[in-house]
């Protein structure tokens, strides 16, 4: 019985350690708007607009100076419309 309780306590301690790690790696979804202040330390990815025309959805993923990952979803005008000056 003591071995069972010891194993159960070890399992709980391991689960708590993994839960603490997951809280630090969660992605923050920023809200779009007219002006969104961003604290960018490193760009992870941006939507490729090659061949896009008209208003299209885009996404900007970055890491801030505190090491947290952010995702910003927004609308942008494509740059590959035929007949543009």
PDB file of N, CA and C in Angstrom:
ATOM      1  N   UNK A   1       0.815  -1.194   0.000  1.00  0.00           N
ATOM      2  CA  UNK A   1       0.000   0.000   0.000  1.00  0.00           C
ATOM      3  C   UNK A   1       0.862   1.262   0.000  1.00  0.00           C
ATOM      4  N   UNK A   2       1.988   1.214   0.754  1.00  0.00           N
ATOM      5  CA  UNK A   2       2.874   2.376   0.784  1.00  0.00           C
ATOM      6  C   UNK A   2       3.467   2.629  -0.594  1.00  0.00           C
ATOM      7  N   UNK A   3       3.790   1.553  -1.302  1.00  0.00           N
ATOM      8  CA  UNK A   3       4.350   1.690  -2.649  1.00  0.00           C
ATOM      9  C   UNK A   3       3.329   2.329  -3.590  1.00  0.00           C
ATOM     10  N   UNK A   4       2.073   1.956  -3.457  1.00  0.00           N
ATOM     11  CA  UNK A   4       1.013   2.541  -4.263  1.00  0.00           C
ATOM     12  C   UNK A   4       0.877   4.037  -3.988  1.00  0.00           C
ATOM     13  N   UNK A   5       0.876   4.417  -2.719  1.00  0.00           N
ATOM     14  CA  UNK A   5       0.749   5.827  -2.350  1.00  0.00           C
ATOM     15  C   UNK A   5       1.961   6.624  -2.837  1.00  0.00           C
ATOM     16  N   UNK A   6       3.141   6.030  -2.749  1.00  0.00           N
ATOM     17  CA  UNK A   6       4.355   6.703  -3.220  1.00  0.00           C
ATOM     18  C   UNK A   6       4.297   6.913  -4.737  1.00  0.00           C
ATOM     19  N   UNK A   7       3.848   5.914  -5.462  1.00  0.00           N
ATOM     20  CA  UNK A   7       3.701   6.030  -6.916  1.00  0.00           C
ATOM     21  C   UNK A   7       2.667   7.065  -7.299  1.00  0.00           C
ATOM     22  N   UNK A   8       1.561   7.104  -6.573  1.00  0.00           N
ATOM     23  CA  UNK A   8       0.510   8.077  -6.839  1.00  0.00           C
ATOM     24  C   UNK A   8       1.001   9.501  -6.566  1.00  0.00           C
ATOM     25  N   UNK A   9       1.742   9.690  -5.481  1.00  0.00           N
ATOM     26  CA  UNK A   9       2.296  11.013  -5.148  1.00  0.00           C
ATOM     27  C   UNK A   9       3.295  11.453  -6.216  1.00  0.00           C
ATOM     28  N   UNK A  10       4.113  10.527  -6.722  1.00  0.00           N
ATOM     29  CA  UNK A  10       5.074  10.854  -7.781  1.00  0.00           C
ATOM     30  C   UNK A  10       4.349  11.242  -9.065  1.00  0.00           C
ATOM     31  N   UNK A  11       3.268  10.560  -9.368  1.00  0.00           N
ATOM     32  CA  UNK A  11       2.480  10.877 -10.552  1.00  0.00           C
ATOM     33  C   UNK A  11       1.872  12.277 -10.445  1.00  0.00           C
ATOM     34  N   UNK A  12       1.346  12.617  -9.292  1.00  0.00           N
ATOM     35  CA  UNK A  12       0.785  13.959  -9.091  1.00  0.00           C
ATOM     36  C   UNK A  12       1.855  15.034  -9.210  1.00  0.00           C
ATOM     37  N   UNK A  13       3.022  14.791  -8.650  1.00  0.00           N
ATOM     38  CA  UNK A  13       4.106  15.774  -8.716  1.00  0.00           C
ATOM     39  C   UNK A  13       4.567  15.971 -10.154  1.00  0.00           C
ATOM     40  N   UNK A  14       4.653  14.898 -10.925  1.00  0.00           N
ATOM     41  CA  UNK A  14       5.057  14.993 -12.327  1.00  0.00           C
ATOM     42  C   UNK A  14       4.017  15.754 -13.134  1.00  0.00           C
ATOM     43  N   UNK A  15       2.751  15.492 -12.911  1.00  0.00           N
ATOM     44  CA  UNK A  15       1.684  16.201 -13.612  1.00  0.00           C
ATOM     45  C   UNK A  15       1.702  17.681 -13.308  1.00  0.00           C
ATOM     46  N   UNK A  16       1.974  18.050 -12.071  1.00  0.00           N
ATOM     47  CA  UNK A  16       2.040  19.453 -11.697  1.00  0.00           C
ATOM     48  C   UNK A  16       3.203  20.151 -12.389  1.00  0.00           C
ATOM     49  N   UNK A  17       4.326  19.475 -12.526  1.00  0.00           N
ATOM     50  CA  UNK A  17       5.482  20.074 -13.191  1.00  0.00           C
ATOM     51  C   UNK A  17       5.182  20.323 -14.662  1.00  0.00           C
ATOM     52  N   UNK A  18       4.509  19.374 -15.324  1.00  0.00           N
ATOM     53  CA  UNK A  18       4.162  19.568 -16.729  1.00  0.00           C
ATOM     54  C   UNK A  18       3.106  20.655 -16.890  1.00  0.00           C
ATOM     55  N   UNK A  19       2.173  20.762 -15.985  1.00  0.00           N
ATOM     56  CA  UNK A  19       1.145  21.794 -16.055  1.00  0.00           C
ATOM     57  C   UNK A  19       1.774  23.174 -15.924  1.00  0.00           C
ATOM     58  N   UNK A  20       2.772  23.317 -15.079  1.00  0.00           N
ATOM     59  CA  UNK A  20       3.446  24.610 -14.926  1.00  0.00           C
ATOM     60  C   UNK A  20       4.176  24.986 -16.205  1.00  0.00           C
ATOM     61  N   UNK A  21       4.757  24.008 -16.891  1.00  0.00           N
ATOM     62  CA  UNK A  21       5.444  24.281 -18.151  1.00  0.00           C
ATOM     63  C   UNK A  21       4.464  24.722 -19.228  1.00  0.00           C
ATOM     64  N   UNK A  22       3.296  24.091 -19.300  1.00  0.00           N
ATOM     65  CA  UNK A  22       2.312  24.421 -20.328  1.00  0.00           C
ATOM     66  C   UNK A  22       1.771  25.834 -20.165  1.00  0.00           C
ATOM     67  N   UNK A  23       1.689  26.322 -18.939  1.00  0.00           N
ATOM     68  CA  UNK A  23       1.153  27.667 -18.710  1.00  0.00           C
ATOM     69  C   UNK A  23       2.074  28.722 -19.310  1.00  0.00           C
ATOM     70  N   UNK A  24       3.371  28.462 -19.336  1.00  0.00           N
ATOM     71  CA  UNK A  24       4.322  29.422 -19.874  1.00  0.00           C
ATOM     72  C   UNK A  24       4.382  29.408 -21.392  1.00  0.00           C
ATOM     73  N   UNK A  25       3.932  28.339 -22.031  1.00  0.00           N
ATOM     74  CA  UNK A  25       4.050  28.215 -23.479  1.00  0.00           C
ATOM     75  C   UNK A  25       2.721  28.466 -24.196  1.00  0.00           C
ATOM     76  N   UNK A  26       1.719  28.961 -23.501  1.00  0.00           N
ATOM     77  CA  UNK A  26       0.442  29.204 -24.162  1.00  0.00           C
ATOM     78  C   UNK A  26       0.561  30.400 -25.111  1.00  0.00           C
ATOM     79  N   UNK A  27      -0.218  30.366 -26.170  1.00  0.00           N
ATOM     80  CA  UNK A  27      -0.187  31.408 -27.195  1.00  0.00           C
ATOM     81  C   UNK A  27      -1.213  32.479 -26.846  1.00  0.00           C
ATOM     82  N   UNK A  28      -0.810  33.738 -26.930  1.00  0.00           N
ATOM     83  CA  UNK A  28      -1.701  34.859 -26.660  1.00  0.00           C
ATOM     84  C   UNK A  28      -2.262  35.330 -27.993  1.00  0.00           C
ATOM     85  N   UNK A  29      -3.594  35.370 -28.110  1.00  0.00           N
ATOM     86  CA  UNK A  29      -4.235  35.823 -29.335  1.00  0.00           C
ATOM     87  C   UNK A  29      -4.577  37.303 -29.183  1.00  0.00           C
ATOM     88  N   UNK A  30      -3.833  38.143 -29.877  1.00  0.00           N
ATOM     89  CA  UNK A  30      -4.066  39.584 -29.822  1.00  0.00           C
ATOM     90  C   UNK A  30      -5.295  39.942 -30.648  1.00  0.00           C
ATOM     91  N   UNK A  31      -6.013  40.976 -30.228  1.00  0.00           N
ATOM     92  CA  UNK A  31      -7.191  41.431 -30.964  1.00  0.00           C
ATOM     93  C   UNK A  31      -6.763  42.465 -31.993  1.00  0.00           C
ATOM     94  N   UNK A  32      -7.347  42.355 -33.182  1.00  0.00           N
ATOM     95  CA  UNK A  32      -7.023  43.334 -34.218  1.00  0.00           C
ATOM     96  C   UNK A  32      -7.841  44.598 -34.010  1.00  0.00           C
ATOM     97  N   UNK A  33      -7.417  45.667 -34.611  1.00  0.00           N
ATOM     98  CA  UNK A  33      -8.103  46.941 -34.500  1.00  0.00           C
ATOM     99  C   UNK A  33      -7.370  47.973 -35.339  1.00  0.00           C
ATOM    100  N   UNK A  34      -7.748  49.227 -35.190  1.00  0.00           N
ATOM    101  CA  UNK A  34      -7.111  50.285 -35.973  1.00  0.00           C
ATOM    102  C   UNK A  34      -5.632  50.390 -35.631  1.00  0.00           C
ATOM    103  N   UNK A  35      -5.300  50.314 -34.351  1.00  0.00           N
ATOM    104  CA  UNK A  35      -3.908  50.374 -33.926  1.00  0.00           C
ATOM    105  C   UNK A  35      -3.695  49.336 -32.836  1.00  0.00           C
ATOM    106  N   UNK A  36      -2.787  48.414 -33.074  1.00  0.00           N
ATOM    107  CA  UNK A  36      -2.482  47.374 -32.098  1.00  0.00           C
ATOM    108  C   UNK A  36      -1.019  47.505 -31.725  1.00  0.00           C
ATOM    109  N   UNK A  37      -0.713  47.923 -30.491  1.00  0.00           N
ATOM    110  CA  UNK A  37       0.688  47.996 -30.089  1.00  0.00           C
ATOM    111  C   UNK A  37       1.252  46.588 -29.895  1.00  0.00           C
ATOM    112  N   UNK A  38       2.393  46.327 -30.483  1.00  0.00           N
ATOM    113  CA  UNK A  38       3.025  45.013 -30.348  1.00  0.00           C
ATOM    114  C   UNK A  38       4.441  45.196 -29.812  1.00  0.00           C
ATOM    115  N   UNK A  39       4.864  44.267 -28.989  1.00  0.00           N
ATOM    116  CA  UNK A  39       6.201  44.248 -28.414  1.00  0.00           C
ATOM    117  C   UNK A  39       6.923  43.061 -29.045  1.00  0.00           C
ATOM    118  N   UNK A  40       7.613  43.296 -30.151  1.00  0.00           N
ATOM    119  CA  UNK A  40       8.192  42.206 -30.938  1.00  0.00           C
ATOM    120  C   UNK A  40       9.681  42.072 -30.633  1.00  0.00           C
ATOM    121  N   UNK A  41      10.054  40.909 -30.122  1.00  0.00           N
ATOM    122  CA  UNK A  41      11.464  40.589 -29.939  1.00  0.00           C
ATOM    123  C   UNK A  41      11.945  39.714 -31.096  1.00  0.00           C
ATOM    124  N   UNK A  42      11.052  38.830 -31.585  1.00  0.00           N
ATOM    125  CA  UNK A  42      11.408  37.928 -32.687  1.00  0.00           C
ATOM    126  C   UNK A  42      10.160  37.597 -33.488  1.00  0.00           C
ATOM    127  N   UNK A  43      10.256  37.686 -34.802  1.00  0.00           N
ATOM    128  CA  UNK A  43       9.155  37.315 -35.687  1.00  0.00           C
ATOM    129  C   UNK A  43       9.225  35.808 -35.920  1.00  0.00           C
ATOM    130  N   UNK A  44       8.113  35.127 -35.671  1.00  0.00           N
ATOM    131  CA  UNK A  44       8.038  33.684 -35.891  1.00  0.00           C
ATOM    132  C   UNK A  44       7.598  33.406 -37.319  1.00  0.00           C
ATOM    133  N   UNK A  45       6.487  34.044 -37.753  1.00  0.00           N
ATOM    134  CA  UNK A  45       6.014  33.871 -39.119  1.00  0.00           C
ATOM    135  C   UNK A  45       5.027  34.974 -39.479  1.00  0.00           C
ATOM    136  N   UNK A  46       4.872  35.170 -40.785  1.00  0.00           N
ATOM    137  CA  UNK A  46       3.901  36.119 -41.329  1.00  0.00           C
ATOM    138  C   UNK A  46       3.244  35.456 -42.526  1.00  0.00           C
ATOM    139  N   UNK A  47       1.999  35.828 -42.810  1.00  0.00           N
ATOM    140  CA  UNK A  47       1.289  35.286 -43.957  1.00  0.00           C
ATOM    141  C   UNK A  47       1.942  35.767 -45.245  1.00  0.00           C
ATOM    142  N   UNK A  48       2.172  34.829 -46.173  1.00  0.00           N
ATOM    143  CA  UNK A  48       2.721  35.165 -47.478  1.00  0.00           C
ATOM    144  C   UNK A  48       1.587  35.678 -48.364  1.00  0.00           C
ATOM    145  N   UNK A  49       1.699  36.905 -48.837  1.00  0.00           N
ATOM    146  CA  UNK A  49       0.644  37.517 -49.644  1.00  0.00           C
ATOM    147  C   UNK A  49       0.915  37.426 -51.138  1.00  0.00           C
ATOM    148  N   UNK A  50       1.894  36.648 -51.556  1.00  0.00           N
ATOM    149  CA  UNK A  50       2.203  36.483 -52.961  1.00  0.00           C
ATOM    150  C   UNK A  50       1.005  35.875 -53.681  1.00  0.00           C
ATOM    151  N   UNK A  51       0.559  36.541 -54.735  1.00  0.00           N
ATOM    152  CA  UNK A  51      -0.555  36.045 -55.529  1.00  0.00           C
ATOM    153  C   UNK A  51      -1.922  36.353 -54.953  1.00  0.00           C
ATOM    154  N   UNK A  52      -2.002  37.078 -53.861  1.00  0.00           N
ATOM    155  CA  UNK A  52      -3.283  37.414 -53.236  1.00  0.00           C
ATOM    156  C   UNK A  52      -3.809  38.735 -53.796  1.00  0.00           C
ATOM    157  N   UNK A  53      -5.101  38.819 -54.022  1.00  0.00           N
ATOM    158  CA  UNK A  53      -5.731  40.032 -54.532  1.00  0.00           C
ATOM    159  C   UNK A  53      -6.971  40.331 -53.698  1.00  0.00           C
ATOM    160  N   UNK A  54      -7.217  41.597 -53.435  1.00  0.00           N
ATOM    161  CA  UNK A  54      -8.363  41.989 -52.625  1.00  0.00           C
ATOM    162  C   UNK A  54      -8.035  41.915 -51.146  1.00  0.00           C
ATOM    163  N   UNK A  55      -9.046  42.047 -50.317  1.00  0.00           N
ATOM    164  CA  UNK A  55      -8.861  41.978 -48.875  1.00  0.00           C
ATOM    165  C   UNK A  55      -8.824  40.511 -48.461  1.00  0.00           C
ATOM    166  N   UNK A  56      -7.742  40.115 -47.813  1.00  0.00           N
ATOM    167  CA  UNK A  56      -7.542  38.716 -47.438  1.00  0.00           C
ATOM    168  C   UNK A  56      -7.153  38.638 -45.954  1.00  0.00           C
ATOM    169  N   UNK A  57      -7.452  37.510 -45.301  1.00  0.00           N
ATOM    170  CA  UNK A  57      -7.026  37.349 -43.908  1.00  0.00           C
ATOM    171  C   UNK A  57      -5.521  37.078 -43.845  1.00  0.00           C
ATOM    172  N   UNK A  58      -4.880  37.606 -42.814  1.00  0.00           N
ATOM    173  CA  UNK A  58      -3.451  37.397 -42.620  1.00  0.00           C
ATOM    174  C   UNK A  58      -3.197  37.131 -41.147  1.00  0.00           C
ATOM    175  N   UNK A  59      -2.026  36.558 -40.867  1.00  0.00           N
ATOM    176  CA  UNK A  59      -1.666  36.260 -39.491  1.00  0.00           C
ATOM    177  C   UNK A  59      -0.203  36.611 -39.259  1.00  0.00           C
ATOM    178  N   UNK A  60       0.071  37.180 -38.099  1.00  0.00           N
ATOM    179  CA  UNK A  60       1.419  37.576 -37.690  1.00  0.00           C
ATOM    180  C   UNK A  60       1.707  36.889 -36.367  1.00  0.00           C
ATOM    181  N   UNK A  61       2.727  36.034 -36.344  1.00  0.00           N
ATOM    182  CA  UNK A  61       3.121  35.341 -35.120  1.00  0.00           C
ATOM    183  C   UNK A  61       4.469  35.889 -34.674  1.00  0.00           C
ATOM    184  N   UNK A  62       4.564  36.224 -33.393  1.00  0.00           N
ATOM    185  CA  UNK A  62       5.806  36.793 -32.884  1.00  0.00           C
ATOM    186  C   UNK A  62       5.996  36.440 -31.411  1.00  0.00           C
ATOM    187  N   UNK A  63       7.207  36.661 -30.930  1.00  0.00           N
ATOM    188  CA  UNK A  63       7.549  36.460 -29.525  1.00  0.00           C
ATOM    189  C   UNK A  63       7.903  37.814 -28.946  1.00  0.00           C
ATOM    190  N   UNK A  64       7.317  38.140 -27.782  1.00  0.00           N
ATOM    191  CA  UNK A  64       7.601  39.435 -27.159  1.00  0.00           C
ATOM    192  C   UNK A  64       8.884  39.366 -26.329  1.00  0.00           C
ATOM    193  N   UNK A  65       9.256  40.486 -25.733  1.00  0.00           N
ATOM    194  CA  UNK A  65      10.506  40.554 -24.973  1.00  0.00           C
ATOM    195  C   UNK A  65      10.461  39.778 -23.656  1.00  0.00           C
ATOM    196  N   UNK A  66       9.283  39.307 -23.260  1.00  0.00           N
ATOM    197  CA  UNK A  66       9.164  38.478 -22.067  1.00  0.00           C
ATOM    198  C   UNK A  66       9.138  36.994 -22.423  1.00  0.00           C
ATOM    199  N   UNK A  67       9.303  36.670 -23.713  1.00  0.00           N
ATOM    200  CA  UNK A  67       9.357  35.278 -24.157  1.00  0.00           C
ATOM    201  C   UNK A  67       8.008  34.648 -24.430  1.00  0.00           C
ATOM    202  N   UNK A  68       6.926  35.425 -24.436  1.00  0.00           N
ATOM    203  CA  UNK A  68       5.590  34.889 -24.697  1.00  0.00           C
ATOM    204  C   UNK A  68       5.288  34.957 -26.185  1.00  0.00           C
ATOM    205  N   UNK A  69       4.627  33.911 -26.710  1.00  0.00           N
ATOM    206  CA  UNK A  69       4.278  33.876 -28.128  1.00  0.00           C
ATOM    207  C   UNK A  69       2.902  34.491 -28.335  1.00  0.00           C
ATOM    208  N   UNK A  70       2.785  35.329 -29.382  1.00  0.00           N
ATOM    209  CA  UNK A  70       1.536  36.009 -29.722  1.00  0.00           C
ATOM    210  C   UNK A  70       1.125  35.656 -31.148  1.00  0.00           C
ATOM    211  N   UNK A  71      -0.176  35.694 -31.411  1.00  0.00           N
ATOM    212  CA  UNK A  71      -0.726  35.569 -32.761  1.00  0.00           C
ATOM    213  C   UNK A  71      -1.679  36.731 -32.984  1.00  0.00           C
ATOM    214  N   UNK A  72      -1.509  37.424 -34.095  1.00  0.00           N
ATOM    215  CA  UNK A  72      -2.378  38.541 -34.443  1.00  0.00           C
ATOM    216  C   UNK A  72      -3.031  38.231 -35.783  1.00  0.00           C
ATOM    217  N   UNK A  73      -4.351  38.082 -35.786  1.00  0.00           N
ATOM    218  CA  UNK A  73      -5.111  37.861 -37.013  1.00  0.00           C
ATOM    219  C   UNK A  73      -5.679  39.197 -37.463  1.00  0.00           C
ATOM    220  N   UNK A  74      -5.547  39.505 -38.763  1.00  0.00           N
ATOM    221  CA  UNK A  74      -6.010  40.786 -39.283  1.00  0.00           C
ATOM    222  C   UNK A  74      -6.346  40.659 -40.763  1.00  0.00           C
ATOM    223  N   UNK A  75      -6.951  41.685 -41.324  1.00  0.00           N
ATOM    224  CA  UNK A  75      -7.292  41.738 -42.744  1.00  0.00           C
ATOM    225  C   UNK A  75      -6.308  42.670 -43.434  1.00  0.00           C
ATOM    226  N   UNK A  76      -5.878  42.315 -44.638  1.00  0.00           N
ATOM    227  CA  UNK A  76      -4.911  43.134 -45.369  1.00  0.00           C
ATOM    228  C   UNK A  76      -5.246  43.100 -46.859  1.00  0.00           C
ATOM    229  N   UNK A  77      -4.881  44.163 -47.565  1.00  0.00           N
ATOM    230  CA  UNK A  77      -5.088  44.238 -49.004  1.00  0.00           C
ATOM    231  C   UNK A  77      -3.970  43.466 -49.698  1.00  0.00           C
ATOM    232  N   UNK A  78      -4.345  42.513 -50.561  1.00  0.00           N
ATOM    233  CA  UNK A  78      -3.351  41.768 -51.324  1.00  0.00           C
ATOM    234  C   UNK A  78      -2.614  42.664 -52.284  1.00  0.00           C
ATOM    235  N   UNK A  79      -1.432  42.258 -52.697  1.00  0.00           N
ATOM    236  CA  UNK A  79      -0.584  43.106 -53.529  1.00  0.00           C
ATOM    237  C   UNK A  79      -0.467  42.627 -54.972  1.00  0.00           C
ATOM    238  N   UNK A  80      -1.178  41.594 -55.355  1.00  0.00           N
ATOM    239  CA  UNK A  80      -1.008  41.042 -56.704  1.00  0.00           C
ATOM    240  C   UNK A  80      -2.253  41.152 -57.572  1.00  0.00           C
ATOM    241  N   UNK A  81      -2.957  42.266 -57.444  1.00  0.00           N
ATOM    242  CA  UNK A  81      -4.155  42.467 -58.277  1.00  0.00           C
ATOM    243  C   UNK A  81      -3.745  42.938 -59.675  1.00  0.00           C
ATOM    244  N   UNK A  82      -4.382  42.406 -60.696  1.00  0.00           N
ATOM    245  CA  UNK A  82      -4.101  42.823 -62.052  1.00  0.00           C
ATOM    246  C   UNK A  82      -4.603  44.241 -62.281  1.00  0.00           C
ATOM    247  N   UNK A  83      -3.854  45.039 -63.007  1.00  0.00           N
ATOM    248  CA  UNK A  83      -4.278  46.374 -63.368  1.00  0.00           C
ATOM    249  C   UNK A  83      -4.039  47.437 -62.309  1.00  0.00           C
ATOM    250  N   UNK A  84      -3.325  47.086 -61.254  1.00  0.00           N
ATOM    251  CA  UNK A  84      -3.054  48.122 -60.255  1.00  0.00           C
ATOM    252  C   UNK A  84      -1.880  48.972 -60.709  1.00  0.00           C
ATOM    253  N   UNK A  85      -1.875  50.233 -60.358  1.00  0.00           N
ATOM    254  CA  UNK A  85      -0.829  51.137 -60.798  1.00  0.00           C
ATOM    255  C   UNK A  85       0.376  51.095 -59.928  1.00  0.00           C
TER     256      UNK A  85
END
